[in-house]
Amino acid sequence: MWGRKQKPAPAGEQRSALQDAVHQARIEAAERTSVVVDLRDAEVARLELLNEALNPLFADIPPEVELFDRGLSRGDTPRLWIDAVAHVAMGRDKRAYRFLHDTRFGRRVLAESHEIADIVRAVTDYVARRLVERERALEDDPDFIGRVGRYEAARERRRRRRRGLGALVLGFLLGIIAIVAVALIVAVRS
């Protein structure tokens, strides 16, 4: 185990039943681990197929629309992310696709199917709804895109960082003042 060489059994000595059982348990654990890895690889492969099926949909989205950030995450539960709040994961049987949407009230299942075409239709409907929401938001303030450019957005981020740093420094100074005040009070009372 872990690169250690097993000591050869002395001649004439048989392995005990416990040693045989431990050896068999190690073999079974290794087989289960490889099965889990194979299942995860199969999940990732199925999600990659779905990702390829979604390529034409995402090719039709105008380049100035930055609502969607599609990507495959390969963690304990592989997921195909459509945007920050919607993703596709495999169901419990590892064959069914589940299109999920995270809301402030919990996770909703938007679609579940064994067929890629059904999930592609559900994702297409979701993307269309998000694009309509974006259009409505821009109709409420049509000058928004013209008013706020990349430079202004970067300047706003820098301003927020400075404010955060200022709050940190202020908190640090107030903490030092409080410690000095407590030390003075303790010194005066003693």
N, C-alpha and C. Protein backbone atom coordinates (compact mmCIF):
# COMPACT_ATOMS: atom_id res chain seq x y z
N MET A 1 0.84 -1.17 0.00
CA MET A 1 0.00 0.00 0.00
C MET A 1 0.88 1.23 0.00
N TRP A 2 0.57 2.24 -0.82
CA TRP A 2 1.31 3.48 -0.94
C TRP A 2 2.79 3.25 -1.25
N GLY A 3 3.02 2.29 -2.09
CA GLY A 3 4.38 2.07 -2.56
C GLY A 3 5.22 1.19 -1.67
N ARG A 4 4.69 0.73 -0.55
CA ARG A 4 5.46 -0.16 0.31
C ARG A 4 5.45 -1.56 -0.28
N LYS A 5 6.55 -2.22 -0.20
CA LYS A 5 6.62 -3.58 -0.69
C LYS A 5 6.11 -4.51 0.40
N GLN A 6 5.34 -5.49 -0.03
CA GLN A 6 4.84 -6.46 0.94
C GLN A 6 5.96 -7.41 1.31
N LYS A 7 5.97 -7.77 2.57
CA LYS A 7 6.97 -8.73 3.03
C LYS A 7 6.56 -10.11 2.53
N PRO A 8 7.47 -10.82 1.96
CA PRO A 8 7.10 -12.17 1.52
C PRO A 8 6.79 -13.03 2.74
N ALA A 9 5.77 -13.85 2.58
CA ALA A 9 5.39 -14.75 3.68
C ALA A 9 6.47 -15.80 3.84
N PRO A 10 6.85 -16.04 5.08
CA PRO A 10 7.86 -17.07 5.30
C PRO A 10 7.36 -18.41 4.76
N ALA A 11 8.29 -19.22 4.34
CA ALA A 11 7.95 -20.52 3.76
C ALA A 11 7.18 -21.35 4.76
N GLY A 12 6.10 -21.93 4.29
CA GLY A 12 5.31 -22.82 5.15
C GLY A 12 4.23 -22.08 5.93
N GLU A 13 4.24 -20.72 5.96
CA GLU A 13 3.22 -19.97 6.72
C GLU A 13 2.08 -19.60 5.79
N GLN A 14 0.87 -19.82 6.17
CA GLN A 14 -0.31 -19.47 5.40
C GLN A 14 -0.82 -18.11 5.86
N ARG A 15 -1.48 -17.41 4.95
CA ARG A 15 -2.08 -16.13 5.32
C ARG A 15 -3.32 -16.42 6.15
N SER A 16 -3.58 -15.53 7.11
CA SER A 16 -4.74 -15.73 7.98
C SER A 16 -6.01 -15.35 7.22
N ALA A 17 -7.14 -15.73 7.76
CA ALA A 17 -8.44 -15.40 7.15
C ALA A 17 -8.64 -13.88 7.13
N LEU A 18 -8.18 -13.22 8.19
CA LEU A 18 -8.31 -11.76 8.24
C LEU A 18 -7.48 -11.10 7.15
N GLN A 19 -6.27 -11.55 6.96
CA GLN A 19 -5.43 -10.99 5.91
C GLN A 19 -6.07 -11.18 4.54
N ASP A 20 -6.65 -12.34 4.30
CA ASP A 20 -7.33 -12.60 3.03
C ASP A 20 -8.54 -11.67 2.87
N ALA A 21 -9.29 -11.48 3.96
CA ALA A 21 -10.47 -10.63 3.91
C ALA A 21 -10.07 -9.17 3.65
N VAL A 22 -9.01 -8.70 4.30
CA VAL A 22 -8.53 -7.33 4.09
C VAL A 22 -8.07 -7.17 2.65
N HIS A 23 -7.36 -8.15 2.13
CA HIS A 23 -6.91 -8.11 0.75
C HIS A 23 -8.09 -8.03 -0.21
N GLN A 24 -9.11 -8.83 0.03
CA GLN A 24 -10.31 -8.83 -0.81
C GLN A 24 -11.06 -7.49 -0.70
N ALA A 25 -11.13 -6.93 0.51
CA ALA A 25 -11.80 -5.64 0.71
C ALA A 25 -11.07 -4.53 -0.04
N ARG A 26 -9.74 -4.57 -0.07
CA ARG A 26 -8.98 -3.57 -0.82
C ARG A 26 -9.25 -3.68 -2.32
N ILE A 27 -9.33 -4.89 -2.81
CA ILE A 27 -9.62 -5.09 -4.23
C ILE A 27 -11.01 -4.55 -4.56
N GLU A 28 -12.00 -4.84 -3.71
CA GLU A 28 -13.37 -4.36 -3.94
C GLU A 28 -13.43 -2.83 -3.89
N ALA A 29 -12.71 -2.23 -2.94
CA ALA A 29 -12.70 -0.77 -2.84
C ALA A 29 -12.09 -0.15 -4.09
N ALA A 30 -11.03 -0.73 -4.59
CA ALA A 30 -10.41 -0.22 -5.81
C ALA A 30 -11.36 -0.34 -6.99
N GLU A 31 -12.10 -1.44 -7.07
CA GLU A 31 -13.07 -1.62 -8.16
C GLU A 31 -14.20 -0.60 -8.05
N ARG A 32 -14.69 -0.35 -6.83
CA ARG A 32 -15.76 0.65 -6.65
C ARG A 32 -15.27 2.03 -7.04
N THR A 33 -14.04 2.35 -6.67
CA THR A 33 -13.49 3.65 -7.02
C THR A 33 -13.41 3.80 -8.53
N SER A 34 -12.98 2.76 -9.21
CA SER A 34 -12.89 2.86 -10.67
C SER A 34 -14.27 2.96 -11.30
N VAL A 35 -15.28 2.31 -10.69
CA VAL A 35 -16.64 2.41 -11.20
C VAL A 35 -17.16 3.83 -11.04
N VAL A 36 -16.89 4.46 -9.89
CA VAL A 36 -17.33 5.83 -9.65
C VAL A 36 -16.66 6.77 -10.65
N VAL A 37 -15.38 6.58 -10.90
CA VAL A 37 -14.67 7.41 -11.88
C VAL A 37 -15.26 7.19 -13.27
N ASP A 38 -15.56 5.94 -13.61
CA ASP A 38 -16.16 5.65 -14.92
C ASP A 38 -17.53 6.31 -15.05
N LEU A 39 -18.34 6.28 -13.98
CA LEU A 39 -19.65 6.93 -14.02
C LEU A 39 -19.52 8.44 -14.20
N ARG A 40 -18.57 9.04 -13.48
CA ARG A 40 -18.37 10.49 -13.61
C ARG A 40 -17.89 10.83 -15.02
N ASP A 41 -17.01 10.01 -15.57
CA ASP A 41 -16.55 10.24 -16.95
C ASP A 41 -17.71 10.11 -17.93
N ALA A 42 -18.59 9.16 -17.68
CA ALA A 42 -19.76 9.01 -18.56
C ALA A 42 -20.67 10.23 -18.45
N GLU A 43 -20.86 10.75 -17.24
CA GLU A 43 -21.67 11.96 -17.06
C GLU A 43 -21.07 13.12 -17.84
N VAL A 44 -19.77 13.30 -17.71
CA VAL A 44 -19.09 14.40 -18.40
C VAL A 44 -19.23 14.22 -19.91
N ALA A 45 -19.09 12.99 -20.39
CA ALA A 45 -19.21 12.75 -21.83
C ALA A 45 -20.61 13.08 -22.33
N ARG A 46 -21.65 12.72 -21.55
CA ARG A 46 -23.02 13.04 -21.95
C ARG A 46 -23.25 14.55 -21.95
N LEU A 47 -22.70 15.24 -20.96
CA LEU A 47 -22.86 16.70 -20.91
C LEU A 47 -22.08 17.37 -22.06
N GLU A 48 -20.95 16.80 -22.44
CA GLU A 48 -20.22 17.34 -23.59
C GLU A 48 -21.02 17.18 -24.88
N LEU A 49 -21.73 16.05 -25.02
CA LEU A 49 -22.60 15.87 -26.19
C LEU A 49 -23.69 16.93 -26.22
N LEU A 50 -24.30 17.20 -25.06
CA LEU A 50 -25.32 18.23 -24.98
C LEU A 50 -24.72 19.60 -25.29
N ASN A 51 -23.54 19.86 -24.79
CA ASN A 51 -22.86 21.13 -25.04
C ASN A 51 -22.66 21.33 -26.54
N GLU A 52 -22.25 20.28 -27.24
CA GLU A 52 -22.07 20.38 -28.70
C GLU A 52 -23.41 20.61 -29.40
N ALA A 53 -24.48 20.00 -28.88
CA ALA A 53 -25.80 20.19 -29.49
C ALA A 53 -26.31 21.62 -29.28
N LEU A 54 -25.80 22.30 -28.26
CA LEU A 54 -26.22 23.68 -27.99
C LEU A 54 -25.41 24.71 -28.77
N ASN A 55 -24.36 24.30 -29.44
CA ASN A 55 -23.51 25.25 -30.19
C ASN A 55 -24.30 26.11 -31.17
N PRO A 56 -25.21 25.55 -32.00
CA PRO A 56 -25.95 26.41 -32.93
C PRO A 56 -26.81 27.46 -32.22
N LEU A 57 -27.39 27.09 -31.08
CA LEU A 57 -28.20 28.04 -30.32
C LEU A 57 -27.35 29.22 -29.87
N PHE A 58 -26.21 28.95 -29.28
CA PHE A 58 -25.39 30.02 -28.74
C PHE A 58 -24.68 30.80 -29.85
N ALA A 59 -24.56 30.21 -31.03
CA ALA A 59 -23.99 30.95 -32.17
C ALA A 59 -24.96 32.02 -32.65
N ASP A 60 -26.27 31.82 -32.42
CA ASP A 60 -27.28 32.79 -32.85
C ASP A 60 -27.42 33.98 -31.90
N ILE A 61 -26.89 33.88 -30.71
CA ILE A 61 -27.01 34.97 -29.74
C ILE A 61 -26.08 36.11 -30.17
N PRO A 62 -26.60 37.34 -30.22
CA PRO A 62 -25.76 38.47 -30.64
C PRO A 62 -24.54 38.62 -29.71
N PRO A 63 -23.40 39.01 -30.27
CA PRO A 63 -22.17 39.09 -29.46
C PRO A 63 -22.23 40.15 -28.35
N GLU A 64 -23.07 41.18 -28.50
CA GLU A 64 -23.13 42.21 -27.45
C GLU A 64 -23.93 41.76 -26.23
N VAL A 65 -24.62 40.63 -26.34
CA VAL A 65 -25.39 40.09 -25.21
C VAL A 65 -24.45 39.22 -24.39
N GLU A 66 -24.19 39.66 -23.19
CA GLU A 66 -23.27 38.93 -22.31
C GLU A 66 -24.00 38.33 -21.12
N LEU A 67 -25.18 37.81 -21.35
CA LEU A 67 -25.96 37.21 -20.27
C LEU A 67 -25.54 35.78 -19.97
N PHE A 68 -25.01 35.11 -20.95
CA PHE A 68 -24.78 33.67 -20.83
C PHE A 68 -23.29 33.37 -20.75
N ASP A 69 -22.96 32.44 -19.89
CA ASP A 69 -21.58 32.02 -19.71
C ASP A 69 -21.57 30.50 -19.64
N ARG A 70 -21.64 29.89 -20.81
CA ARG A 70 -21.75 28.44 -20.90
C ARG A 70 -20.40 27.80 -20.60
N GLY A 71 -20.42 26.76 -19.79
CA GLY A 71 -19.19 26.05 -19.48
C GLY A 71 -19.49 24.77 -18.73
N LEU A 72 -18.56 23.84 -18.81
CA LEU A 72 -18.70 22.54 -18.17
C LEU A 72 -17.83 22.50 -16.93
N SER A 73 -18.43 22.23 -15.78
CA SER A 73 -17.66 22.08 -14.54
C SER A 73 -17.55 20.59 -14.25
N ARG A 74 -16.38 20.15 -13.85
CA ARG A 74 -16.12 18.73 -13.67
C ARG A 74 -15.89 18.38 -12.21
N GLY A 75 -16.69 18.88 -11.32
CA GLY A 75 -16.54 18.60 -9.90
C GLY A 75 -17.13 17.25 -9.53
N ASP A 76 -17.51 17.11 -8.25
CA ASP A 76 -18.14 15.87 -7.80
C ASP A 76 -19.41 15.60 -8.59
N THR A 77 -20.15 16.67 -8.87
CA THR A 77 -21.34 16.57 -9.71
C THR A 77 -21.07 17.39 -10.96
N PRO A 78 -20.73 16.75 -12.07
CA PRO A 78 -20.47 17.52 -13.30
C PRO A 78 -21.72 18.28 -13.74
N ARG A 79 -21.53 19.51 -14.19
CA ARG A 79 -22.65 20.35 -14.61
C ARG A 79 -22.27 21.11 -15.87
N LEU A 80 -23.27 21.33 -16.71
CA LEU A 80 -23.12 22.20 -17.88
C LEU A 80 -23.86 23.48 -17.54
N TRP A 81 -23.11 24.55 -17.31
CA TRP A 81 -23.69 25.82 -16.91
C TRP A 81 -24.14 26.59 -18.15
N ILE A 82 -25.36 27.10 -18.10
CA ILE A 82 -25.90 27.93 -19.16
C ILE A 82 -25.64 29.40 -18.84
N ASP A 83 -25.91 29.78 -17.61
CA ASP A 83 -25.55 31.09 -17.08
C ASP A 83 -25.31 30.91 -15.60
N ALA A 84 -25.28 32.00 -14.86
CA ALA A 84 -24.92 31.91 -13.44
C ALA A 84 -25.96 31.20 -12.59
N VAL A 85 -27.20 31.09 -13.07
CA VAL A 85 -28.25 30.50 -12.25
C VAL A 85 -28.92 29.28 -12.87
N ALA A 86 -28.52 28.89 -14.06
CA ALA A 86 -29.14 27.74 -14.72
C ALA A 86 -28.07 26.77 -15.19
N HIS A 87 -28.31 25.49 -14.97
CA HIS A 87 -27.35 24.48 -15.40
C HIS A 87 -28.07 23.17 -15.69
N VAL A 88 -27.35 22.30 -16.39
CA VAL A 88 -27.85 20.95 -16.68
C VAL A 88 -26.96 19.98 -15.93
N ALA A 89 -27.58 19.08 -15.22
CA ALA A 89 -26.85 18.02 -14.51
C ALA A 89 -27.51 16.69 -14.87
N MET A 90 -26.83 15.63 -14.59
CA MET A 90 -27.39 14.32 -14.86
C MET A 90 -28.25 13.90 -13.67
N GLY A 91 -29.32 13.14 -13.97
CA GLY A 91 -30.22 12.67 -12.93
C GLY A 91 -29.59 11.54 -12.13
N ARG A 92 -30.36 11.01 -11.21
CA ARG A 92 -29.84 9.95 -10.35
C ARG A 92 -29.42 8.71 -11.12
N ASP A 93 -30.13 8.42 -12.20
CA ASP A 93 -29.80 7.22 -12.98
C ASP A 93 -28.63 7.46 -13.94
N LYS A 94 -28.09 8.67 -13.95
CA LYS A 94 -26.94 9.07 -14.77
C LYS A 94 -27.21 9.01 -16.27
N ARG A 95 -28.48 8.86 -16.66
CA ARG A 95 -28.84 8.85 -18.07
C ARG A 95 -29.80 9.99 -18.41
N ALA A 96 -30.50 10.50 -17.43
CA ALA A 96 -31.48 11.56 -17.66
C ALA A 96 -30.82 12.91 -17.44
N TYR A 97 -31.08 13.82 -18.34
CA TYR A 97 -30.60 15.19 -18.21
C TYR A 97 -31.62 15.97 -17.38
N ARG A 98 -31.12 16.80 -16.45
CA ARG A 98 -32.00 17.65 -15.64
C ARG A 98 -31.55 19.10 -15.82
N PHE A 99 -32.46 19.92 -16.37
CA PHE A 99 -32.18 21.34 -16.56
C PHE A 99 -32.74 22.07 -15.35
N LEU A 100 -31.85 22.66 -14.55
CA LEU A 100 -32.21 23.25 -13.26
C LEU A 100 -31.98 24.75 -13.27
N HIS A 101 -32.82 25.45 -12.51
CA HIS A 101 -32.73 26.90 -12.37
C HIS A 101 -32.74 27.23 -10.89
N ASP A 102 -31.71 27.93 -10.43
CA ASP A 102 -31.64 28.34 -9.03
C ASP A 102 -32.37 29.67 -8.87
N THR A 103 -33.31 29.70 -7.94
CA THR A 103 -34.03 30.93 -7.64
C THR A 103 -33.82 31.26 -6.17
N ARG A 104 -34.32 32.40 -5.75
CA ARG A 104 -34.17 32.74 -4.34
C ARG A 104 -35.05 31.87 -3.44
N PHE A 105 -35.99 31.14 -4.05
CA PHE A 105 -36.86 30.26 -3.29
C PHE A 105 -36.42 28.80 -3.37
N GLY A 106 -35.31 28.54 -4.03
CA GLY A 106 -34.81 27.18 -4.16
C GLY A 106 -34.58 26.82 -5.61
N ARG A 107 -34.26 25.57 -5.82
CA ARG A 107 -33.94 25.09 -7.16
C ARG A 107 -35.19 24.54 -7.83
N ARG A 108 -35.41 24.95 -9.10
CA ARG A 108 -36.55 24.47 -9.88
C ARG A 108 -36.04 23.61 -11.02
N VAL A 109 -36.76 22.54 -11.31
CA VAL A 109 -36.44 21.71 -12.46
C VAL A 109 -37.23 22.26 -13.64
N LEU A 110 -36.52 22.78 -14.65
CA LEU A 110 -37.18 23.33 -15.82
C LEU A 110 -37.51 22.24 -16.83
N ALA A 111 -36.68 21.21 -16.90
CA ALA A 111 -36.92 20.10 -17.83
C ALA A 111 -36.11 18.90 -17.37
N GLU A 112 -36.64 17.73 -17.68
CA GLU A 112 -35.93 16.49 -17.38
C GLU A 112 -36.27 15.49 -18.47
N SER A 113 -35.23 14.93 -19.08
CA SER A 113 -35.46 14.01 -20.18
C SER A 113 -34.22 13.17 -20.43
N HIS A 114 -34.43 12.02 -21.08
CA HIS A 114 -33.32 11.18 -21.51
C HIS A 114 -32.81 11.62 -22.87
N GLU A 115 -33.56 12.47 -23.56
CA GLU A 115 -33.25 12.88 -24.92
C GLU A 115 -32.58 14.26 -24.93
N ILE A 116 -31.52 14.36 -25.70
CA ILE A 116 -30.81 15.64 -25.83
C ILE A 116 -31.70 16.69 -26.48
N ALA A 117 -32.48 16.28 -27.47
CA ALA A 117 -33.33 17.24 -28.20
C ALA A 117 -34.32 17.94 -27.27
N ASP A 118 -34.87 17.21 -26.31
CA ASP A 118 -35.82 17.82 -25.37
C ASP A 118 -35.13 18.88 -24.51
N ILE A 119 -33.93 18.58 -24.07
CA ILE A 119 -33.20 19.54 -23.23
C ILE A 119 -32.77 20.75 -24.06
N VAL A 120 -32.38 20.51 -25.32
CA VAL A 120 -32.01 21.63 -26.20
C VAL A 120 -33.20 22.57 -26.37
N ARG A 121 -34.42 22.00 -26.55
CA ARG A 121 -35.63 22.84 -26.66
C ARG A 121 -35.86 23.63 -25.37
N ALA A 122 -35.69 22.98 -24.23
CA ALA A 122 -35.89 23.68 -22.95
C ALA A 122 -34.87 24.80 -22.77
N VAL A 123 -33.62 24.54 -23.11
CA VAL A 123 -32.59 25.58 -22.98
C VAL A 123 -32.88 26.71 -23.97
N THR A 124 -33.34 26.37 -25.18
CA THR A 124 -33.70 27.39 -26.16
C THR A 124 -34.81 28.29 -25.63
N ASP A 125 -35.83 27.71 -25.02
CA ASP A 125 -36.91 28.50 -24.43
C ASP A 125 -36.39 29.39 -23.31
N TYR A 126 -35.51 28.85 -22.48
CA TYR A 126 -34.94 29.62 -21.37
C TYR A 126 -34.14 30.81 -21.90
N VAL A 127 -33.29 30.56 -22.91
CA VAL A 127 -32.48 31.63 -23.48
C VAL A 127 -33.38 32.70 -24.10
N ALA A 128 -34.44 32.28 -24.78
CA ALA A 128 -35.37 33.24 -25.38
C ALA A 128 -36.02 34.11 -24.30
N ARG A 129 -36.45 33.49 -23.20
CA ARG A 129 -37.06 34.27 -22.10
C ARG A 129 -36.06 35.27 -21.53
N ARG A 130 -34.81 34.86 -21.36
CA ARG A 130 -33.80 35.77 -20.81
C ARG A 130 -33.53 36.93 -21.77
N LEU A 131 -33.54 36.66 -23.07
CA LEU A 131 -33.32 37.73 -24.05
C LEU A 131 -34.47 38.73 -24.04
N VAL A 132 -35.70 38.23 -23.89
CA VAL A 132 -36.87 39.12 -23.81
C VAL A 132 -36.79 39.96 -22.54
N GLU A 133 -36.38 39.37 -21.41
CA GLU A 133 -36.22 40.13 -20.17
C GLU A 133 -35.19 41.25 -20.36
N ARG A 134 -34.11 40.93 -21.05
CA ARG A 134 -33.07 41.93 -21.31
C ARG A 134 -33.62 43.07 -22.16
N GLU A 135 -34.36 42.73 -23.21
CA GLU A 135 -34.95 43.76 -24.07
C GLU A 135 -35.88 44.67 -23.29
N ARG A 136 -36.70 44.09 -22.43
CA ARG A 136 -37.63 44.91 -21.63
C ARG A 136 -36.87 45.83 -20.69
N ALA A 137 -35.81 45.32 -20.09
CA ALA A 137 -35.03 46.16 -19.19
C ALA A 137 -34.38 47.31 -19.94
N LEU A 138 -33.93 47.04 -21.16
CA LEU A 138 -33.32 48.11 -21.95
C LEU A 138 -34.36 49.10 -22.46
N GLU A 139 -35.59 48.65 -22.70
CA GLU A 139 -36.65 49.56 -23.13
C GLU A 139 -37.00 50.55 -22.04
N ASP A 140 -36.89 50.11 -20.77
CA ASP A 140 -37.17 51.02 -19.66
C ASP A 140 -36.14 52.15 -19.61
N ASP A 141 -34.91 51.87 -20.02
CA ASP A 141 -33.85 52.87 -20.02
C ASP A 141 -33.02 52.69 -21.30
N PRO A 142 -33.51 53.22 -22.43
CA PRO A 142 -32.85 52.96 -23.72
C PRO A 142 -31.45 53.55 -23.84
N ASP A 143 -31.12 54.57 -23.08
CA ASP A 143 -29.81 55.19 -23.18
C ASP A 143 -28.76 54.52 -22.29
N PHE A 144 -29.14 53.46 -21.61
CA PHE A 144 -28.24 52.82 -20.65
C PHE A 144 -26.94 52.36 -21.30
N ILE A 145 -27.04 51.65 -22.42
CA ILE A 145 -25.83 51.12 -23.05
C ILE A 145 -24.95 52.26 -23.56
N GLY A 146 -25.56 53.29 -24.12
CA GLY A 146 -24.78 54.43 -24.59
C GLY A 146 -24.17 55.23 -23.47
N ARG A 147 -24.85 55.27 -22.35
CA ARG A 147 -24.40 56.06 -21.21
C ARG A 147 -23.26 55.40 -20.45
N VAL A 148 -23.34 54.10 -20.31
CA VAL A 148 -22.35 53.39 -19.51
C VAL A 148 -21.52 52.51 -20.45
N GLY A 149 -20.26 52.87 -20.59
CA GLY A 149 -19.35 52.10 -21.42
C GLY A 149 -18.40 51.30 -20.56
N ARG A 150 -17.46 50.64 -21.21
CA ARG A 150 -16.48 49.83 -20.48
C ARG A 150 -15.62 50.69 -19.56
N TYR A 151 -15.24 51.87 -20.02
CA TYR A 151 -14.39 52.73 -19.21
C TYR A 151 -15.10 53.14 -17.92
N GLU A 152 -16.36 53.53 -18.05
CA GLU A 152 -17.12 53.96 -16.87
C GLU A 152 -17.34 52.81 -15.90
N ALA A 153 -17.60 51.64 -16.45
CA ALA A 153 -17.79 50.47 -15.59
C ALA A 153 -16.51 50.14 -14.83
N ALA A 154 -15.36 50.23 -15.50
CA ALA A 154 -14.07 49.98 -14.83
C ALA A 154 -13.81 51.03 -13.76
N ARG A 155 -14.13 52.29 -14.08
CA ARG A 155 -13.96 53.36 -13.09
C ARG A 155 -14.83 53.13 -11.86
N GLU A 156 -16.06 52.67 -12.09
CA GLU A 156 -16.97 52.38 -10.97
C GLU A 156 -16.42 51.25 -10.10
N ARG A 157 -15.86 50.22 -10.74
CA ARG A 157 -15.27 49.12 -9.96
C ARG A 157 -14.10 49.61 -9.11
N ARG A 158 -13.25 50.46 -9.70
CA ARG A 158 -12.11 51.00 -8.93
C ARG A 158 -12.61 51.84 -7.76
N ARG A 159 -13.66 52.62 -8.00
CA ARG A 159 -14.21 53.46 -6.93
C ARG A 159 -14.74 52.59 -5.80
N ARG A 160 -15.42 51.50 -6.13
CA ARG A 160 -15.93 50.60 -5.09
C ARG A 160 -14.80 49.95 -4.32
N ARG A 161 -13.72 49.59 -5.02
CA ARG A 161 -12.57 48.99 -4.32
C ARG A 161 -11.96 49.99 -3.34
N ARG A 162 -11.82 51.24 -3.78
CA ARG A 162 -11.26 52.27 -2.88
C ARG A 162 -12.15 52.46 -1.66
N ARG A 163 -13.45 52.46 -1.88
CA ARG A 163 -14.36 52.59 -0.74
C ARG A 163 -14.21 51.42 0.22
N GLY A 164 -14.08 50.23 -0.33
CA GLY A 164 -13.90 49.04 0.52
C GLY A 164 -12.61 49.11 1.29
N LEU A 165 -11.53 49.53 0.63
CA LEU A 165 -10.25 49.68 1.31
C LEU A 165 -10.34 50.76 2.38
N GLY A 166 -11.03 51.87 2.08
CA GLY A 166 -11.20 52.93 3.07
C GLY A 166 -11.97 52.44 4.29
N ALA A 167 -13.00 51.65 4.06
CA ALA A 167 -13.76 51.10 5.18
C ALA A 167 -12.89 50.16 6.01
N LEU A 168 -12.04 49.38 5.37
CA LEU A 168 -11.14 48.49 6.09
C LEU A 168 -10.17 49.28 6.96
N VAL A 169 -9.55 50.32 6.40
CA VAL A 169 -8.61 51.14 7.15
C VAL A 169 -9.31 51.84 8.31
N LEU A 170 -10.51 52.37 8.05
CA LEU A 170 -11.27 53.04 9.11
C LEU A 170 -11.59 52.05 10.24
N GLY A 171 -12.01 50.85 9.88
CA GLY A 171 -12.30 49.84 10.90
C GLY A 171 -11.07 49.48 11.70
N PHE A 172 -9.93 49.37 11.03
CA PHE A 172 -8.68 49.07 11.71
C PHE A 172 -8.32 50.18 12.70
N LEU A 173 -8.42 51.44 12.26
CA LEU A 173 -8.10 52.56 13.13
C LEU A 173 -9.06 52.64 14.32
N LEU A 174 -10.35 52.42 14.09
CA LEU A 174 -11.30 52.44 15.21
C LEU A 174 -11.01 51.31 16.20
N GLY A 175 -10.57 50.17 15.68
CA GLY A 175 -10.19 49.07 16.57
C GLY A 175 -9.00 49.43 17.44
N ILE A 176 -8.01 50.07 16.85
CA ILE A 176 -6.83 50.51 17.62
C ILE A 176 -7.23 51.54 18.66
N ILE A 177 -8.09 52.48 18.29
CA ILE A 177 -8.55 53.50 19.24
C ILE A 177 -9.31 52.85 20.38
N ALA A 178 -10.14 51.86 20.08
CA ALA A 178 -10.89 51.17 21.13
C ALA A 178 -9.95 50.42 22.07
N ILE A 179 -8.93 49.78 21.54
CA ILE A 179 -7.97 49.06 22.38
C ILE A 179 -7.21 50.03 23.27
N VAL A 180 -6.79 51.16 22.74
CA VAL A 180 -6.07 52.17 23.53
C VAL A 180 -7.00 52.72 24.60
N ALA A 181 -8.27 52.98 24.26
CA ALA A 181 -9.22 53.50 25.25
C ALA A 181 -9.42 52.50 26.38
N VAL A 182 -9.56 51.25 26.06
CA VAL A 182 -9.74 50.22 27.10
C VAL A 182 -8.48 50.12 27.97
N ALA A 183 -7.31 50.19 27.33
CA ALA A 183 -6.06 50.13 28.10
C ALA A 183 -5.94 51.32 29.03
N LEU A 184 -6.34 52.51 28.58
CA LEU A 184 -6.30 53.70 29.45
C LEU A 184 -7.27 53.57 30.61
N ILE A 185 -8.46 53.06 30.33
CA ILE A 185 -9.45 52.89 31.41
C ILE A 185 -8.95 51.90 32.44
N VAL A 186 -8.36 50.80 31.98
CA VAL A 186 -7.83 49.80 32.91
C VAL A 186 -6.66 50.39 33.70
N ALA A 187 -5.81 51.21 33.09
CA ALA A 187 -4.67 51.81 33.77
C ALA A 187 -5.13 52.83 34.81
N VAL A 188 -6.18 53.57 34.49
CA VAL A 188 -6.69 54.58 35.42
C VAL A 188 -7.32 53.90 36.63
N ARG A 189 -8.03 52.81 36.43
CA ARG A 189 -8.72 52.13 37.54
C ARG A 189 -7.76 51.36 38.43
N SER A 190 -6.59 51.00 37.94
CA SER A 190 -5.71 50.21 38.79
C SER A 190 -4.80 51.04 39.63
